[in-house]
Amino acid sequence: MYFFLSHLSCLDICVSTVVIPKILHNFLCQRNTISYKECLLQTFFLVGFAGCEPSLMAVMAYDRYAAICRPLHYSLLMSKRVCIHLASATWVWGFLDSAVHAALASQLSFCGVNQIPHIFCDVPPLLQIACSDTRVNELASHISSLFVGLGPFLFIILSYVFILTSVLRIHSKGGRRKAFSTCASHLIVVILCLGNGILNYNLPSFGSSLEIDTLVSTMFCIVTPMLNPLIYSLRNKEVKGAFRKVLKKWTD
């Protein structure tokens, strides 16, 4: 679990790093500009890192399934070699998807005032200001949503159906509580990650505004990566103890 958490932490750092430095630079310089090449690079890395997270969440769900439903075979099912292969596959899968989107975006033509209606470069904002036909790009986005977003989500649901079935067979309340506690953090992060991802990439273009898009994107690129370490850290006894001490000092 901690091996995959290290990859999740790396992804969270990378997602924020892709967008925040440029936003801060433009804010400090009071010049909201980005070059064409920088925009494509930002789109490539943002879509790549964001596309890795659902697959990694699915792998972590499988890890929980193996730990709870197949405990005697866990060391075989989740050996070091298997973990490395699964983690590598999530990174390759995410950046193959982003390479397709970046390549299609590079074929778009732009005319008039090239003002991106967003706080950073991403596929949906680029499609809004493109002058050329975007039907292929939109089709690629829908297919990507199915395979990169919906596919891992359905796999996570299936994994937790088996996990719930196994947990309900445990007779002791303590055993059931322990099994559920190992999955609680992952479920919360899945809801935050996939929920914000769906809002960020599947909001209807009509009726949307820059304020709404900025709020959703801030949740997706800044707030969620910041919350993930806190959610998993609160399962640690030492962190819980330190958190209680801080609360006690505030209340005294």
C-alpha atoms as a PDB file:
ATOM      1  CA  MET A   1       0.000   0.000   0.000  1.00  0.00           C
ATOM      2  CA  TYR A   2       2.784   2.449   0.884  1.00  0.00           C
ATOM      3  CA  PHE A   3       4.554   1.704  -2.396  1.00  0.00           C
ATOM      4  CA  PHE A   4       1.492   2.862  -4.325  1.00  0.00           C
ATOM      5  CA  LEU A   5       0.995   5.791  -1.934  1.00  0.00           C
ATOM      6  CA  SER A   6       4.470   7.026  -2.859  1.00  0.00           C
ATOM      7  CA  HIS A   7       3.410   7.056  -6.526  1.00  0.00           C
ATOM      8  CA  LEU A   8       0.172   8.862  -5.620  1.00  0.00           C
ATOM      9  CA  SER A   9       2.160  11.489  -3.719  1.00  0.00           C
ATOM     10  CA  CYS A  10       4.475  11.918  -6.701  1.00  0.00           C
ATOM     11  CA  LEU A  11       1.478  12.368  -9.018  1.00  0.00           C
ATOM     12  CA  ASP A  12      -0.088  14.941  -6.683  1.00  0.00           C
ATOM     13  CA  ILE A  13       3.141  16.950  -6.623  1.00  0.00           C
ATOM     14  CA  CYS A  14       3.475  16.749 -10.401  1.00  0.00           C
ATOM     15  CA  VAL A  15      -0.116  17.838 -11.116  1.00  0.00           C
ATOM     16  CA  SER A  16       0.277  20.917  -8.931  1.00  0.00           C
ATOM     17  CA  THR A  17       3.750  21.686 -10.289  1.00  0.00           C
ATOM     18  CA  VAL A  18       2.495  21.724 -13.878  1.00  0.00           C
ATOM     19  CA  VAL A  19       0.088  24.625 -13.293  1.00  0.00           C
ATOM     20  CA  ILE A  20       0.880  26.524 -10.075  1.00  0.00           C
ATOM     21  CA  PRO A  21       4.328  28.003 -10.969  1.00  0.00           C
ATOM     22  CA  LYS A  22       2.995  29.549 -14.196  1.00  0.00           C
ATOM     23  CA  ILE A  23      -0.094  30.893 -12.438  1.00  0.00           C
ATOM     24  CA  LEU A  24       2.061  32.481  -9.725  1.00  0.00           C
ATOM     25  CA  HIS A  25       4.478  33.885 -12.316  1.00  0.00           C
ATOM     26  CA  ASN A  26       1.656  35.546 -14.264  1.00  0.00           C
ATOM     27  CA  PHE A  27       0.118  36.832 -11.032  1.00  0.00           C
ATOM     28  CA  LEU A  28       3.371  38.404  -9.822  1.00  0.00           C
ATOM     29  CA  CYS A  29       4.273  39.837 -13.248  1.00  0.00           C
ATOM     30  CA  GLN A  30       0.668  40.940 -13.884  1.00  0.00           C
ATOM     31  CA  ARG A  31       0.948  39.484 -17.377  1.00  0.00           C
ATOM     32  CA  ASN A  32      -1.453  36.652 -18.188  1.00  0.00           C
ATOM     33  CA  THR A  33       0.382  35.157 -21.162  1.00  0.00           C
ATOM     34  CA  ILE A  34       1.775  31.792 -22.188  1.00  0.00           C
ATOM     35  CA  SER A  35       3.563  30.797 -25.374  1.00  0.00           C
ATOM     36  CA  TYR A  36       2.118  28.273 -27.820  1.00  0.00           C
ATOM     37  CA  LYS A  37       4.811  25.654 -27.049  1.00  0.00           C
ATOM     38  CA  GLU A  38       4.456  26.140 -23.290  1.00  0.00           C
ATOM     39  CA  CYS A  39       0.696  25.735 -23.629  1.00  0.00           C
ATOM     40  CA  LEU A  40       1.023  22.430 -25.475  1.00  0.00           C
ATOM     41  CA  LEU A  41       3.618  21.175 -22.967  1.00  0.00           C
ATOM     42  CA  GLN A  42       1.399  22.149 -20.048  1.00  0.00           C
ATOM     43  CA  THR A  43      -1.536  20.335 -21.653  1.00  0.00           C
ATOM     44  CA  PHE A  44       0.579  17.229 -22.304  1.00  0.00           C
ATOM     45  CA  PHE A  45       1.906  16.927 -18.756  1.00  0.00           C
ATOM     46  CA  LEU A  46      -1.360  17.895 -17.058  1.00  0.00           C
ATOM     47  CA  VAL A  47      -3.413  15.343 -19.007  1.00  0.00           C
ATOM     48  CA  GLY A  48      -0.669  12.748 -18.513  1.00  0.00           C
ATOM     49  CA  PHE A  49      -0.413  13.108 -14.745  1.00  0.00           C
ATOM     50  CA  ALA A  50      -4.176  13.445 -14.332  1.00  0.00           C
ATOM     51  CA  GLY A  51      -4.712  10.339 -16.506  1.00  0.00           C
ATOM     52  CA  CYS A  52      -2.388   8.271 -14.326  1.00  0.00           C
ATOM     53  CA  GLU A  53      -4.411   8.798 -11.146  1.00  0.00           C
ATOM     54  CA  PRO A  54      -7.597   6.808 -11.999  1.00  0.00           C
ATOM     55  CA  SER A  55      -5.487   3.826 -13.090  1.00  0.00           C
ATOM     56  CA  LEU A  56      -3.412   4.062  -9.920  1.00  0.00           C
ATOM     57  CA  MET A  57      -6.612   4.188  -7.855  1.00  0.00           C
ATOM     58  CA  ALA A  58      -7.769   0.999  -9.602  1.00  0.00           C
ATOM     59  CA  VAL A  59      -4.440  -0.696  -8.828  1.00  0.00           C
ATOM     60  CA  MET A  60      -4.757   0.353  -5.172  1.00  0.00           C
ATOM     61  CA  ALA A  61      -8.286  -1.083  -5.097  1.00  0.00           C
ATOM     62  CA  TYR A  62      -6.895  -4.383  -6.409  1.00  0.00           C
ATOM     63  CA  ASP A  63      -4.242  -4.246  -3.693  1.00  0.00           C
ATOM     64  CA  ARG A  64      -6.966  -3.898  -1.041  1.00  0.00           C
ATOM     65  CA  TYR A  65      -8.908  -6.755  -2.668  1.00  0.00           C
ATOM     66  CA  ALA A  66      -5.834  -9.012  -2.532  1.00  0.00           C
ATOM     67  CA  ALA A  67      -5.144  -8.077   1.102  1.00  0.00           C
ATOM     68  CA  ILE A  68      -8.711  -8.703   2.323  1.00  0.00           C
ATOM     69  CA  CYS A  69     -10.112 -11.353  -0.013  1.00  0.00           C
ATOM     70  CA  ARG A  70      -6.922 -13.344  -0.742  1.00  0.00           C
ATOM     71  CA  PRO A  71      -4.719 -12.806   2.343  1.00  0.00           C
ATOM     72  CA  LEU A  72      -2.897 -16.150   2.064  1.00  0.00           C
ATOM     73  CA  HIS A  73      -1.899 -15.411  -1.531  1.00  0.00           C
ATOM     74  CA  TYR A  74      -1.184 -11.689  -0.987  1.00  0.00           C
ATOM     75  CA  SER A  75       2.611 -11.958  -1.083  1.00  0.00           C
ATOM     76  CA  LEU A  76       2.353 -13.791  -4.401  1.00  0.00           C
ATOM     77  CA  LEU A  77      -0.359 -11.601  -5.976  1.00  0.00           C
ATOM     78  CA  MET A  78       1.321  -8.355  -4.914  1.00  0.00           C
ATOM     79  CA  SER A  79       4.997  -9.237  -5.080  1.00  0.00           C
ATOM     80  CA  LYS A  80       7.574  -6.492  -5.562  1.00  0.00           C
ATOM     81  CA  ARG A  81       7.853  -7.339  -9.254  1.00  0.00           C
ATOM     82  CA  VAL A  82       4.076  -7.215  -9.764  1.00  0.00           C
ATOM     83  CA  CYS A  83       3.836  -3.873  -7.929  1.00  0.00           C
ATOM     84  CA  ILE A  84       6.566  -2.338 -10.095  1.00  0.00           C
ATOM     85  CA  HIS A  85       4.873  -3.590 -13.284  1.00  0.00           C
ATOM     86  CA  LEU A  86       1.455  -2.276 -12.212  1.00  0.00           C
ATOM     87  CA  ALA A  87       2.840   1.134 -11.207  1.00  0.00           C
ATOM     88  CA  SER A  88       4.805   1.407 -14.462  1.00  0.00           C
ATOM     89  CA  ALA A  89       1.695   0.493 -16.457  1.00  0.00           C
ATOM     90  CA  THR A  90      -0.283   3.350 -14.871  1.00  0.00           C
ATOM     91  CA  TRP A  91       2.377   5.896 -15.877  1.00  0.00           C
ATOM     92  CA  VAL A  92       2.647   4.534 -19.429  1.00  0.00           C
ATOM     93  CA  TRP A  93      -1.142   4.416 -19.822  1.00  0.00           C
ATOM     94  CA  GLY A  94      -1.592   8.009 -18.649  1.00  0.00           C
ATOM     95  CA  PHE A  95       1.076   9.451 -20.932  1.00  0.00           C
ATOM     96  CA  LEU A  96      -0.009   7.457 -23.969  1.00  0.00           C
ATOM     97  CA  ASP A  97      -3.410   9.090 -23.533  1.00  0.00           C
ATOM     98  CA  SER A  98      -1.867  12.552 -23.119  1.00  0.00           C
ATOM     99  CA  ALA A  99       0.347  12.050 -26.183  1.00  0.00           C
ATOM    100  CA  VAL A 100      -2.769  11.458 -28.308  1.00  0.00           C
ATOM    101  CA  HIS A 101      -4.493  14.594 -26.974  1.00  0.00           C
ATOM    102  CA  ALA A 102      -1.363  16.749 -27.346  1.00  0.00           C
ATOM    103  CA  ALA A 103      -0.792  15.519 -30.909  1.00  0.00           C
ATOM    104  CA  LEU A 104      -4.392  16.289 -31.879  1.00  0.00           C
ATOM    105  CA  ALA A 105      -4.233  19.692 -30.162  1.00  0.00           C
ATOM    106  CA  SER A 106      -1.071  20.566 -32.097  1.00  0.00           C
ATOM    107  CA  GLN A 107      -3.043  20.155 -35.355  1.00  0.00           C
ATOM    108  CA  LEU A 108      -5.605  22.789 -34.363  1.00  0.00           C
ATOM    109  CA  SER A 109      -5.460  26.244 -35.895  1.00  0.00           C
ATOM    110  CA  PHE A 110      -6.153  29.398 -33.914  1.00  0.00           C
ATOM    111  CA  CYS A 111      -7.173  32.807 -35.221  1.00  0.00           C
ATOM    112  CA  GLY A 112      -8.340  36.125 -33.860  1.00  0.00           C
ATOM    113  CA  VAL A 113      -7.761  36.899 -30.173  1.00  0.00           C
ATOM    114  CA  ASN A 114      -6.146  33.794 -28.694  1.00  0.00           C
ATOM    115  CA  GLN A 115      -7.425  34.315 -25.179  1.00  0.00           C
ATOM    116  CA  ILE A 116      -7.825  31.040 -23.296  1.00  0.00           C
ATOM    117  CA  PRO A 117     -10.972  31.131 -21.109  1.00  0.00           C
ATOM    118  CA  HIS A 118      -9.193  29.400 -18.251  1.00  0.00           C
ATOM    119  CA  ILE A 119      -6.380  29.832 -15.706  1.00  0.00           C
ATOM    120  CA  PHE A 120      -4.142  27.256 -17.454  1.00  0.00           C
ATOM    121  CA  CYS A 121      -3.902  25.310 -20.710  1.00  0.00           C
ATOM    122  CA  ASP A 122      -5.991  22.167 -20.990  1.00  0.00           C
ATOM    123  CA  VAL A 123      -7.834  20.291 -23.727  1.00  0.00           C
ATOM    124  CA  PRO A 124     -11.372  21.742 -23.229  1.00  0.00           C
ATOM    125  CA  PRO A 125     -10.244  25.427 -23.198  1.00  0.00           C
ATOM    126  CA  LEU A 126      -8.128  24.902 -26.321  1.00  0.00           C
ATOM    127  CA  LEU A 127     -11.075  23.381 -28.154  1.00  0.00           C
ATOM    128  CA  GLN A 128     -13.202  26.419 -27.258  1.00  0.00           C
ATOM    129  CA  ILE A 129     -10.897  28.910 -29.029  1.00  0.00           C
ATOM    130  CA  ALA A 130      -9.886  26.725 -31.997  1.00  0.00           C
ATOM    131  CA  CYS A 131     -10.927  27.884 -35.464  1.00  0.00           C
ATOM    132  CA  SER A 132     -10.560  24.469 -37.113  1.00  0.00           C
ATOM    133  CA  ASP A 133     -12.815  21.429 -36.873  1.00  0.00           C
ATOM    134  CA  THR A 134     -12.595  19.884 -33.364  1.00  0.00           C
ATOM    135  CA  ARG A 135     -14.812  16.833 -33.874  1.00  0.00           C
ATOM    136  CA  VAL A 136     -11.852  14.414 -33.815  1.00  0.00           C
ATOM    137  CA  ASN A 137     -10.539  16.026 -30.618  1.00  0.00           C
ATOM    138  CA  GLU A 138     -13.954  15.812 -28.972  1.00  0.00           C
ATOM    139  CA  LEU A 139     -14.315  12.162 -29.998  1.00  0.00           C
ATOM    140  CA  ALA A 140     -10.878  11.423 -28.543  1.00  0.00           C
ATOM    141  CA  SER A 141     -11.911  13.149 -25.299  1.00  0.00           C
ATOM    142  CA  HIS A 142     -15.067  11.028 -25.022  1.00  0.00           C
ATOM    143  CA  ILE A 143     -13.171   7.798 -25.731  1.00  0.00           C
ATOM    144  CA  SER A 144     -10.519   8.817 -23.202  1.00  0.00           C
ATOM    145  CA  SER A 145     -13.206   9.466 -20.583  1.00  0.00           C
ATOM    146  CA  LEU A 146     -14.484   5.919 -21.098  1.00  0.00           C
ATOM    147  CA  PHE A 147     -11.138   4.115 -20.928  1.00  0.00           C
ATOM    148  CA  VAL A 148      -9.113   6.385 -18.641  1.00  0.00           C
ATOM    149  CA  GLY A 149     -11.891   7.483 -16.278  1.00  0.00           C
ATOM    150  CA  LEU A 150     -14.927   5.195 -16.418  1.00  0.00           C
ATOM    151  CA  GLY A 151     -12.977   1.939 -16.882  1.00  0.00           C
ATOM    152  CA  PRO A 152     -10.902   2.261 -13.674  1.00  0.00           C
ATOM    153  CA  PHE A 153     -13.978   3.528 -11.808  1.00  0.00           C
ATOM    154  CA  LEU A 154     -15.974   0.400 -12.723  1.00  0.00           C
ATOM    155  CA  PHE A 155     -12.991  -1.781 -11.766  1.00  0.00           C
ATOM    156  CA  ILE A 156     -12.854  -0.047  -8.359  1.00  0.00           C
ATOM    157  CA  ILE A 157     -16.581  -0.666  -7.831  1.00  0.00           C
ATOM    158  CA  LEU A 158     -16.171  -4.354  -8.758  1.00  0.00           C
ATOM    159  CA  SER A 159     -13.215  -4.700  -6.390  1.00  0.00           C
ATOM    160  CA  TYR A 160     -15.188  -3.225  -3.506  1.00  0.00           C
ATOM    161  CA  VAL A 161     -18.159  -5.488  -4.208  1.00  0.00           C
ATOM    162  CA  PHE A 162     -15.853  -8.480  -3.587  1.00  0.00           C
ATOM    163  CA  ILE A 163     -14.279  -6.721  -0.588  1.00  0.00           C
ATOM    164  CA  LEU A 164     -17.676  -5.961   0.969  1.00  0.00           C
ATOM    165  CA  THR A 165     -18.800  -9.563   0.421  1.00  0.00           C
ATOM    166  CA  SER A 166     -15.679 -10.867   2.180  1.00  0.00           C
ATOM    167  CA  VAL A 167     -15.905  -8.373   5.044  1.00  0.00           C
ATOM    168  CA  LEU A 168     -19.527  -9.286   5.776  1.00  0.00           C
ATOM    169  CA  ARG A 169     -18.424 -12.904   6.215  1.00  0.00           C
ATOM    170  CA  ILE A 170     -16.120 -11.909   9.090  1.00  0.00           C
ATOM    171  CA  HIS A 171     -17.862 -12.801  12.352  1.00  0.00           C
ATOM    172  CA  SER A 172     -16.025 -10.484  14.777  1.00  0.00           C
ATOM    173  CA  LYS A 173     -16.887  -6.781  14.868  1.00  0.00           C
ATOM    174  CA  GLY A 174     -13.236  -5.918  15.431  1.00  0.00           C
ATOM    175  CA  GLY A 175     -12.211  -7.789  12.297  1.00  0.00           C
ATOM    176  CA  ARG A 176     -14.857  -6.052  10.197  1.00  0.00           C
ATOM    177  CA  ARG A 177     -13.883  -2.662  11.620  1.00  0.00           C
ATOM    178  CA  LYS A 178     -10.208  -3.272  10.847  1.00  0.00           C
ATOM    179  CA  ALA A 179     -10.994  -4.387   7.287  1.00  0.00           C
ATOM    180  CA  PHE A 180     -13.171  -1.333   6.642  1.00  0.00           C
ATOM    181  CA  SER A 181     -10.559   1.030   8.123  1.00  0.00           C
ATOM    182  CA  THR A 182      -7.955  -0.148   5.589  1.00  0.00           C
ATOM    183  CA  CYS A 183     -10.310   0.862   2.753  1.00  0.00           C
ATOM    184  CA  ALA A 184     -11.791   4.093   4.135  1.00  0.00           C
ATOM    185  CA  SER A 185      -8.878   6.350   3.138  1.00  0.00           C
ATOM    186  CA  HIS A 186      -8.741   4.908  -0.360  1.00  0.00           C
ATOM    187  CA  LEU A 187     -12.484   5.363  -0.885  1.00  0.00           C
ATOM    188  CA  ILE A 188     -12.354   9.011   0.212  1.00  0.00           C
ATOM    189  CA  VAL A 189      -9.448   9.729  -2.158  1.00  0.00           C
ATOM    190  CA  VAL A 190     -11.229   7.918  -5.021  1.00  0.00           C
ATOM    191  CA  ILE A 191     -14.342  10.057  -4.524  1.00  0.00           C
ATOM    192  CA  LEU A 192     -12.273  13.267  -4.430  1.00  0.00           C
ATOM    193  CA  CYS A 193     -10.048  12.359  -7.378  1.00  0.00           C
ATOM    194  CA  LEU A 194     -12.622  10.928  -9.783  1.00  0.00           C
ATOM    195  CA  GLY A 195     -15.349  13.368  -8.732  1.00  0.00           C
ATOM    196  CA  ASN A 196     -13.164  16.398  -9.431  1.00  0.00           C
ATOM    197  CA  GLY A 197     -11.853  14.789 -12.617  1.00  0.00           C
ATOM    198  CA  ILE A 198     -15.385  14.263 -13.937  1.00  0.00           C
ATOM    199  CA  LEU A 199     -16.315  17.871 -13.128  1.00  0.00           C
ATOM    200  CA  ASN A 200     -13.118  19.205 -14.677  1.00  0.00           C
ATOM    201  CA  TYR A 201     -13.363  17.353 -17.992  1.00  0.00           C
ATOM    202  CA  ASN A 202     -17.061  16.645 -18.449  1.00  0.00           C
ATOM    203  CA  LEU A 203     -18.853  19.857 -17.486  1.00  0.00           C
ATOM    204  CA  PRO A 204     -21.137  21.083 -20.293  1.00  0.00           C
ATOM    205  CA  SER A 205     -19.679  24.025 -22.193  1.00  0.00           C
ATOM    206  CA  PHE A 206     -22.979  25.914 -22.230  1.00  0.00           C
ATOM    207  CA  GLY A 207     -23.819  27.830 -19.091  1.00  0.00           C
ATOM    208  CA  SER A 208     -20.267  27.566 -17.735  1.00  0.00           C
ATOM    209  CA  SER A 209     -18.240  30.578 -16.659  1.00  0.00           C
ATOM    210  CA  LEU A 210     -14.616  31.361 -15.922  1.00  0.00           C
ATOM    211  CA  GLU A 211     -15.406  31.536 -12.194  1.00  0.00           C
ATOM    212  CA  ILE A 212     -16.936  28.036 -12.144  1.00  0.00           C
ATOM    213  CA  ASP A 213     -14.130  26.590 -14.273  1.00  0.00           C
ATOM    214  CA  THR A 214     -11.524  28.222 -12.014  1.00  0.00           C
ATOM    215  CA  LEU A 215     -13.169  26.818  -8.887  1.00  0.00           C
ATOM    216  CA  VAL A 216     -13.373  23.277 -10.310  1.00  0.00           C
ATOM    217  CA  SER A 217      -9.801  23.414 -11.622  1.00  0.00           C
ATOM    218  CA  THR A 218      -8.498  24.713  -8.292  1.00  0.00           C
ATOM    219  CA  MET A 219     -10.154  21.780  -6.541  1.00  0.00           C
ATOM    220  CA  PHE A 220      -8.709  19.371  -9.099  1.00  0.00           C
ATOM    221  CA  CYS A 221      -5.121  20.677  -9.287  1.00  0.00           C
ATOM    222  CA  ILE A 222      -4.522  22.221  -5.861  1.00  0.00           C
ATOM    223  CA  VAL A 223      -7.009  21.256  -3.140  1.00  0.00           C
ATOM    224  CA  THR A 224      -7.300  17.510  -3.859  1.00  0.00           C
ATOM    225  CA  PRO A 225      -3.504  16.915  -4.092  1.00  0.00           C
ATOM    226  CA  MET A 226      -3.157  18.801  -0.799  1.00  0.00           C
ATOM    227  CA  LEU A 227      -5.844  16.725   0.940  1.00  0.00           C
ATOM    228  CA  ASN A 228      -4.636  13.273  -0.190  1.00  0.00           C
ATOM    229  CA  PRO A 229      -1.583  13.120   2.135  1.00  0.00           C
ATOM    230  CA  LEU A 230      -3.688  14.359   5.066  1.00  0.00           C
ATOM    231  CA  ILE A 231      -6.354  11.704   4.469  1.00  0.00           C
ATOM    232  CA  TYR A 232      -3.840   8.856   4.449  1.00  0.00           C
ATOM    233  CA  SER A 233      -1.736  10.310   7.276  1.00  0.00           C
ATOM    234  CA  LEU A 234      -4.712  10.327   9.649  1.00  0.00           C
ATOM    235  CA  ARG A 235      -4.618   6.498   9.584  1.00  0.00           C
ATOM    236  CA  ASN A 236      -1.193   6.629  11.238  1.00  0.00           C
ATOM    237  CA  LYS A 237      -1.285   6.364  15.048  1.00  0.00           C
ATOM    238  CA  GLU A 238       1.600   8.800  15.552  1.00  0.00           C
ATOM    239  CA  VAL A 239      -0.037  11.388  13.300  1.00  0.00           C
ATOM    240  CA  LYS A 240      -3.354  10.937  15.134  1.00  0.00           C
ATOM    241  CA  GLY A 241      -1.599  11.464  18.471  1.00  0.00           C
ATOM    242  CA  ALA A 242       0.134  14.622  17.259  1.00  0.00           C
ATOM    243  CA  PHE A 243      -3.145  15.916  15.818  1.00  0.00           C
ATOM    244  CA  ARG A 244      -4.918  15.365  19.169  1.00  0.00           C
ATOM    245  CA  LYS A 245      -2.136  17.247  21.001  1.00  0.00           C
ATOM    246  CA  VAL A 246      -2.481  20.216  18.644  1.00  0.00           C
ATOM    247  CA  LEU A 247      -6.269  20.263  19.098  1.00  0.00           C
ATOM    248  CA  LYS A 248      -5.863  20.050  22.862  1.00  0.00           C
ATOM    249  CA  LYS A 249      -3.498  23.050  22.874  1.00  0.00           C
ATOM    250  CA  TRP A 250      -5.983  25.056  20.786  1.00  0.00           C
ATOM    251  CA  THR A 251      -8.918  24.201  23.036  1.00  0.00           C
ATOM    252  CA  ASP A 252      -7.064  24.833  26.335  1.00  0.00           C
END
